């Protein structure tokens, strides 16, 4: 997308503002929708921001036995997520991207997870090791599905660059709505697993036997916990944004719209996804651990179908 000088400044301001505000609004929407479905008023939409400010103002409690890995885990995670937020085209109106190769992005996500797992083990908590073991198992299962989902679009564009994949310049991809819908759904399902949300994990409970992500950060407090929460919110916004990008590309008439119209529809789709996730979490139950691979199999199946269709389409051409 080509911008003029003034348009570039405005686009940067809007993008940075969205990068700060959208993660807060998305988690606030999820909490508010879940509360309303349970006939409760629920917390304010900006409650996550208030919680982060409170955590940053608190002092950090650190065990004398932990190493630098635990102490720097929050900063490492937040740095990785900020780099991803600047690199990944999770907002369709970002004026400039740092360049986001598909496999580089997945390695950055793996680096974030690796740091959290090491920190959980470093704390010496039995629950931390318990959650770390489950996190590694889940990531082993879900990463191939996420790679295959995004790579299926990459096959059509003949590139692994996410900027090229989600560009509106290749009008030939406007006729592949089915693949975009499959990939968007697969990214949502993979996102639920990546974010340790229902039905893989219940983020609102602190029952030690069921926790995955929360078990790994039980020993964290103060600014360290605040940075981990920020990175988790950014991860959610990036995954929801990529999924919304797929659904946006599946609408043929959107390809000829202005960037302003595309941006508005994209943000609306992100909030629709958040509302759907909240509704699903309100009616779903947490799966037993041995049933989680079956849920991930749905995501992998959609990714595989999208990949086969993309390969078939490229062979026909």
Protein backbone atom coordinates (compact mmCIF):
# COMPACT_ATOMS: atom_id res chain seq x y z
CA UNK A 1 0.00 0.00 0.00
CA UNK A 2 1.47 3.33 -1.10
CA UNK A 3 1.11 6.32 1.22
CA UNK A 4 1.88 9.97 0.84
CA UNK A 5 4.03 11.75 3.43
CA UNK A 6 1.05 13.03 5.43
CA UNK A 7 -0.81 9.75 5.08
CA UNK A 8 2.24 7.85 6.35
CA UNK A 9 2.38 9.97 9.52
CA UNK A 10 -1.33 9.45 10.15
CA UNK A 11 -1.03 5.72 9.43
CA UNK A 12 1.85 5.39 11.88
CA UNK A 13 -0.08 7.24 14.59
CA UNK A 14 -3.17 5.09 14.05
CA UNK A 15 -1.10 1.88 13.97
CA UNK A 16 0.79 2.67 17.17
CA UNK A 17 -2.41 3.74 18.89
CA UNK A 18 -4.10 0.52 17.77
CA UNK A 19 -1.13 -1.56 18.91
CA UNK A 20 -1.45 -0.10 22.40
CA UNK A 21 -5.23 0.02 22.68
CA UNK A 22 -6.54 -2.99 20.75
CA UNK A 23 -5.06 -5.70 23.04
CA UNK A 24 -6.67 -4.00 26.05
CA UNK A 25 -10.02 -3.63 24.30
CA UNK A 26 -10.00 -7.20 22.99
CA UNK A 27 -9.49 -8.80 26.40
CA UNK A 28 -11.96 -6.33 27.88
CA UNK A 29 -14.53 -7.35 25.26
CA UNK A 30 -14.02 -11.03 26.02
CA UNK A 31 -14.48 -10.49 29.75
CA UNK A 32 -17.48 -8.20 29.28
CA UNK A 33 -19.28 -10.58 26.87
CA UNK A 34 -18.68 -13.55 29.15
CA UNK A 35 -20.01 -11.57 32.11
CA UNK A 36 -23.16 -10.48 30.24
CA UNK A 37 -23.84 -14.07 29.15
CA UNK A 38 -23.70 -15.00 32.85
CA UNK A 39 -26.09 -12.17 33.79
CA UNK A 40 -23.30 -10.17 35.44
CA UNK A 41 -22.18 -6.59 34.86
CA UNK A 42 -18.56 -7.62 34.60
CA UNK A 43 -15.39 -5.56 34.95
CA UNK A 44 -14.84 -2.27 33.09
CA UNK A 45 -13.63 -2.60 29.51
CA UNK A 46 -10.25 -1.08 30.54
CA UNK A 47 -9.81 -3.26 33.63
CA UNK A 48 -6.79 -5.01 32.08
CA UNK A 49 -5.05 -1.64 31.77
CA UNK A 50 -5.79 -0.81 35.41
CA UNK A 51 -4.40 -4.20 36.46
CA UNK A 52 -1.20 -3.68 34.47
CA UNK A 53 -0.63 -0.25 35.99
CA UNK A 54 -1.14 -1.72 39.47
CA UNK A 55 1.33 -4.54 38.78
CA UNK A 56 3.98 -2.15 37.46
CA UNK A 57 3.70 -0.12 40.66
CA UNK A 58 4.17 -3.14 42.93
CA UNK A 59 7.47 -4.51 44.15
CA UNK A 60 8.68 -7.80 42.75
CA UNK A 61 9.13 -10.83 44.99
CA UNK A 62 12.00 -12.99 43.76
CA UNK A 63 13.38 -16.13 45.31
CA UNK A 64 17.05 -16.12 46.20
CA UNK A 65 17.56 -19.39 44.31
CA UNK A 66 16.44 -18.21 40.85
CA UNK A 67 18.88 -17.12 38.15
CA UNK A 68 18.81 -14.33 35.58
CA UNK A 69 16.57 -16.48 33.35
CA UNK A 70 13.61 -16.00 35.69
CA UNK A 71 14.34 -12.33 36.31
CA UNK A 72 14.59 -11.43 32.62
CA UNK A 73 11.77 -13.64 31.38
CA UNK A 74 9.19 -10.85 31.35
CA UNK A 75 11.47 -8.46 29.47
CA UNK A 76 12.42 -11.12 26.91
CA UNK A 77 8.79 -12.04 26.26
CA UNK A 78 7.65 -8.44 25.94
CA UNK A 79 10.57 -7.60 23.60
CA UNK A 80 9.74 -10.56 21.35
CA UNK A 81 6.05 -9.64 21.22
CA UNK A 82 6.84 -5.99 20.45
CA UNK A 83 9.11 -7.12 17.62
CA UNK A 84 6.33 -9.35 16.31
CA UNK A 85 3.78 -6.54 16.59
CA UNK A 86 6.04 -4.33 14.46
CA UNK A 87 6.89 -7.08 11.97
CA UNK A 88 3.70 -9.07 11.46
CA UNK A 89 0.96 -7.47 9.30
CA UNK A 90 -1.74 -8.17 11.87
CA UNK A 91 -3.18 -4.73 11.07
CA UNK A 92 -4.03 -4.22 7.42
CA UNK A 93 -3.35 -0.48 7.63
CA UNK A 94 0.24 -0.63 8.89
CA UNK A 95 2.24 1.73 6.65
CA UNK A 96 5.58 -0.09 6.90
CA UNK A 97 6.52 -3.53 8.13
CA UNK A 98 9.95 -4.63 9.32
CA UNK A 99 9.60 -7.74 7.20
CA UNK A 100 7.99 -10.87 8.56
CA UNK A 101 8.97 -14.17 7.04
CA UNK A 102 6.56 -16.91 8.08
CA UNK A 103 9.21 -19.14 9.57
CA UNK A 104 11.01 -16.28 11.31
CA UNK A 105 7.74 -15.37 13.04
CA UNK A 106 7.25 -18.94 14.21
CA UNK A 107 10.80 -19.00 15.57
CA UNK A 108 10.10 -15.82 17.52
CA UNK A 109 6.95 -17.38 19.00
CA UNK A 110 9.03 -20.43 19.90
CA UNK A 111 11.65 -18.18 21.53
CA UNK A 112 8.99 -16.58 23.71
CA UNK A 113 7.67 -19.98 24.74
CA UNK A 114 11.20 -21.31 25.34
CA UNK A 115 11.98 -18.40 27.67
CA UNK A 116 8.77 -18.93 29.67
CA UNK A 117 9.37 -22.66 29.97
CA UNK A 118 12.96 -22.12 31.19
CA UNK A 119 11.79 -19.52 33.71
CA UNK A 120 9.10 -21.89 35.01
CA UNK A 121 11.71 -24.63 35.46
CA UNK A 122 14.18 -22.16 37.00
CA UNK A 123 11.71 -21.20 39.74
CA UNK A 124 11.81 -24.78 41.04
CA UNK A 125 8.05 -24.98 41.50
CA UNK A 126 6.35 -28.31 40.93
CA UNK A 127 3.43 -26.53 39.26
CA UNK A 128 5.83 -24.57 37.03
CA UNK A 129 7.41 -27.77 35.77
CA UNK A 130 3.95 -29.29 35.38
CA UNK A 131 2.75 -26.39 33.23
CA UNK A 132 6.00 -26.25 31.27
CA UNK A 133 5.69 -29.92 30.34
CA UNK A 134 2.16 -29.40 29.06
CA UNK A 135 3.10 -26.21 27.22
CA UNK A 136 5.88 -27.96 25.30
CA UNK A 137 3.58 -30.87 24.43
CA UNK A 138 0.88 -28.54 23.15
CA UNK A 139 3.31 -26.44 21.11
CA UNK A 140 4.68 -29.58 19.44
CA UNK A 141 1.17 -30.43 18.26
CA UNK A 142 -0.14 -27.00 17.25
CA UNK A 143 2.88 -25.46 15.50
CA UNK A 144 2.65 -27.73 12.42
CA UNK A 145 -1.01 -26.75 12.02
CA UNK A 146 -0.20 -23.03 12.20
CA UNK A 147 2.71 -23.39 9.76
CA UNK A 148 0.62 -25.37 7.28
CA UNK A 149 -2.29 -22.92 7.50
CA UNK A 150 -0.21 -19.85 6.63
CA UNK A 151 1.98 -21.76 4.18
CA UNK A 152 -1.09 -22.74 2.16
CA UNK A 153 -1.60 -19.06 1.30
CA UNK A 154 2.13 -18.76 0.75
CA UNK A 155 1.86 -21.46 -1.91
CA UNK A 156 -0.59 -19.33 -3.86
CA UNK A 157 1.54 -16.18 -3.53
CA UNK A 158 4.77 -18.18 -4.01
CA UNK A 159 6.31 -16.41 -1.03
CA UNK A 160 6.78 -16.97 2.69
CA UNK A 161 6.75 -13.23 3.38
CA UNK A 162 3.63 -12.39 5.37
CA UNK A 163 3.53 -8.90 3.81
CA UNK A 164 3.19 -10.50 0.38
CA UNK A 165 0.73 -13.10 1.67
CA UNK A 166 -1.64 -10.51 3.16
CA UNK A 167 -1.18 -7.88 0.48
CA UNK A 168 -4.24 -6.70 -1.47
CA UNK A 169 -2.13 -6.13 -4.59
CA UNK A 170 -2.51 -9.70 -5.91
CA UNK A 171 -6.08 -9.57 -7.19
CA UNK A 172 -5.94 -13.22 -8.30
CA UNK A 173 -6.24 -14.29 -4.65
CA UNK A 174 -9.61 -12.56 -4.34
CA UNK A 175 -11.19 -15.63 -5.96
CA UNK A 176 -9.88 -18.04 -3.32
CA UNK A 177 -12.40 -17.28 -0.58
CA UNK A 178 -12.63 -20.92 0.51
CA UNK A 179 -8.93 -21.16 1.31
CA UNK A 180 -8.98 -17.86 3.19
CA UNK A 181 -11.92 -19.04 5.31
CA UNK A 182 -10.23 -22.36 6.10
CA UNK A 183 -6.98 -20.65 7.03
CA UNK A 184 -8.76 -18.03 9.15
CA UNK A 185 -10.63 -20.70 11.10
CA UNK A 186 -7.46 -22.75 11.53
CA UNK A 187 -5.59 -19.70 12.87
CA UNK A 188 -8.39 -19.06 15.39
CA UNK A 189 -8.30 -22.65 16.64
CA UNK A 190 -4.50 -22.57 16.79
CA UNK A 191 -4.74 -19.25 18.61
CA UNK A 192 -6.95 -20.75 21.31
CA UNK A 193 -4.29 -23.39 21.88
CA UNK A 194 -1.38 -20.91 21.71
CA UNK A 195 -3.12 -18.62 24.20
CA UNK A 196 -4.06 -21.50 26.53
CA UNK A 197 -7.75 -20.63 26.39
CA UNK A 198 -10.81 -22.83 26.46
CA UNK A 199 -11.19 -25.71 25.78
CA UNK A 200 -7.45 -26.37 26.22
CA UNK A 201 -7.12 -24.36 29.43
CA UNK A 202 -9.36 -22.12 31.51
CA UNK A 203 -7.56 -18.76 32.03
CA UNK A 204 -10.02 -17.72 34.75
CA UNK A 205 -9.27 -20.57 37.12
CA UNK A 206 -6.34 -21.26 39.39
CA UNK A 207 -6.92 -24.96 39.86
CA UNK A 208 -3.37 -26.25 39.70
CA UNK A 209 -4.23 -29.58 38.07
CA UNK A 210 -5.74 -27.89 35.00
CA UNK A 211 -3.49 -24.88 34.46
CA UNK A 212 -1.03 -24.64 31.57
CA UNK A 213 0.09 -21.04 31.02
CA UNK A 214 -0.93 -19.80 34.47
CA UNK A 215 1.03 -22.60 36.15
CA UNK A 216 4.24 -21.38 34.53
CA UNK A 217 3.91 -17.81 35.85
CA UNK A 218 2.68 -18.54 39.39
CA UNK A 219 6.01 -17.43 40.86
CA UNK A 220 6.03 -14.13 38.95
CA UNK A 221 4.96 -10.86 40.53
CA UNK A 222 5.17 -7.12 40.14
CA UNK A 223 6.68 -5.70 36.93
CA UNK A 224 7.81 -9.15 35.78
CA UNK A 225 4.23 -10.41 35.85
CA UNK A 226 3.00 -7.20 34.22
CA UNK A 227 5.37 -7.66 31.28
CA UNK A 228 4.27 -11.27 30.87
CA UNK A 229 0.62 -10.18 30.86
CA UNK A 230 1.42 -7.49 28.28
CA UNK A 231 3.14 -10.02 26.05
CA UNK A 232 0.16 -12.39 26.34
CA UNK A 233 -2.25 -9.61 25.35
CA UNK A 234 -0.07 -8.70 22.37
CA UNK A 235 0.11 -12.35 21.34
CA UNK A 236 -3.69 -12.54 21.43
CA UNK A 237 -4.07 -9.36 19.36
CA UNK A 238 -1.57 -10.59 16.75
CA UNK A 239 -3.26 -13.98 16.36
CA UNK A 240 -6.75 -12.45 16.24
CA UNK A 241 -5.47 -9.85 13.77
CA UNK A 242 -4.01 -12.50 11.45
CA UNK A 243 -7.25 -14.46 11.58
CA UNK A 244 -9.26 -11.31 10.85
CA UNK A 245 -6.91 -10.63 7.92
CA UNK A 246 -7.80 -14.03 6.47
CA UNK A 247 -11.53 -13.40 6.82
CA UNK A 248 -11.10 -9.92 5.36
CA UNK A 249 -9.34 -11.36 2.31
CA UNK A 250 -12.14 -13.89 1.85
CA UNK A 251 -14.59 -11.06 0.98
CA UNK A 252 -14.07 -10.28 -2.73
CA UNK A 253 -15.54 -6.77 -2.63
CA UNK A 254 -13.08 -5.71 0.10
CA UNK A 255 -10.14 -5.99 -2.29
CA UNK A 256 -11.26 -2.87 -4.19
CA UNK A 257 -12.10 -0.78 -1.11
CA UNK A 258 -10.02 2.06 0.27
CA UNK A 259 -7.50 1.41 3.03
CA UNK A 260 -9.73 3.27 5.50
CA UNK A 261 -12.69 1.00 4.76
CA UNK A 262 -10.50 -2.09 4.94
CA UNK A 263 -9.08 -0.95 8.28
CA UNK A 264 -12.52 -0.35 9.78
CA UNK A 265 -13.82 -3.74 8.66
CA UNK A 266 -10.66 -5.42 9.91
CA UNK A 267 -10.98 -3.95 13.40
CA UNK A 268 -14.67 -4.90 13.49
CA UNK A 269 -13.76 -8.46 12.53
CA UNK A 270 -11.24 -8.61 15.38
CA UNK A 271 -13.93 -7.66 17.88
CA UNK A 272 -16.32 -10.16 16.30
CA UNK A 273 -13.68 -12.86 16.79
CA UNK A 274 -13.21 -11.79 20.42
CA UNK A 275 -16.98 -11.94 20.99
CA UNK A 276 -17.18 -15.39 19.38
CA UNK A 277 -14.31 -16.62 21.57
CA UNK A 278 -16.08 -15.27 24.66
CA UNK A 279 -19.35 -16.96 23.65
CA UNK A 280 -17.56 -20.23 22.96
CA UNK A 281 -15.80 -20.12 26.33
CA UNK A 282 -19.14 -19.49 28.06
CA UNK A 283 -20.78 -22.61 26.64
CA UNK A 284 -17.78 -24.94 26.30
CA UNK A 285 -16.17 -27.06 28.97
CA UNK A 286 -12.49 -27.67 29.46
CA UNK A 287 -11.38 -30.83 27.73
CA UNK A 288 -9.63 -33.62 29.54
CA UNK A 289 -5.92 -33.58 28.82
CA UNK A 290 -6.05 -36.69 26.64
CA UNK A 291 -8.76 -35.03 24.51
CA UNK A 292 -6.68 -31.93 23.69
CA UNK A 293 -4.83 -33.60 20.75
CA UNK A 294 -8.23 -34.36 19.21
CA UNK A 295 -9.15 -30.67 19.34
CA UNK A 296 -5.82 -29.71 17.77
CA UNK A 297 -6.53 -32.30 15.07
CA UNK A 298 -9.47 -30.18 13.88
CA UNK A 299 -7.10 -27.27 13.35
CA UNK A 300 -4.57 -29.48 11.58
CA UNK A 301 -7.29 -30.94 9.34
CA UNK A 302 -8.45 -27.50 8.21
CA UNK A 303 -4.85 -26.48 7.54
CA UNK A 304 -4.24 -29.68 5.58
CA UNK A 305 -7.37 -29.18 3.45
CA UNK A 306 -6.35 -25.58 2.72
CA UNK A 307 -2.85 -26.76 1.80
CA UNK A 308 -4.15 -29.46 -0.54
CA UNK A 309 -6.47 -26.99 -2.27
CA UNK A 310 -3.62 -24.50 -2.65
CA UNK A 311 -1.29 -27.14 -4.09
CA UNK A 312 -4.03 -28.33 -6.45
CA UNK A 313 -4.74 -24.77 -7.58
CA UNK A 314 -1.06 -24.06 -8.22
CA UNK A 315 -0.70 -27.28 -10.26
CA UNK A 316 -3.72 -26.37 -12.38
CA UNK A 317 -2.15 -23.00 -13.18
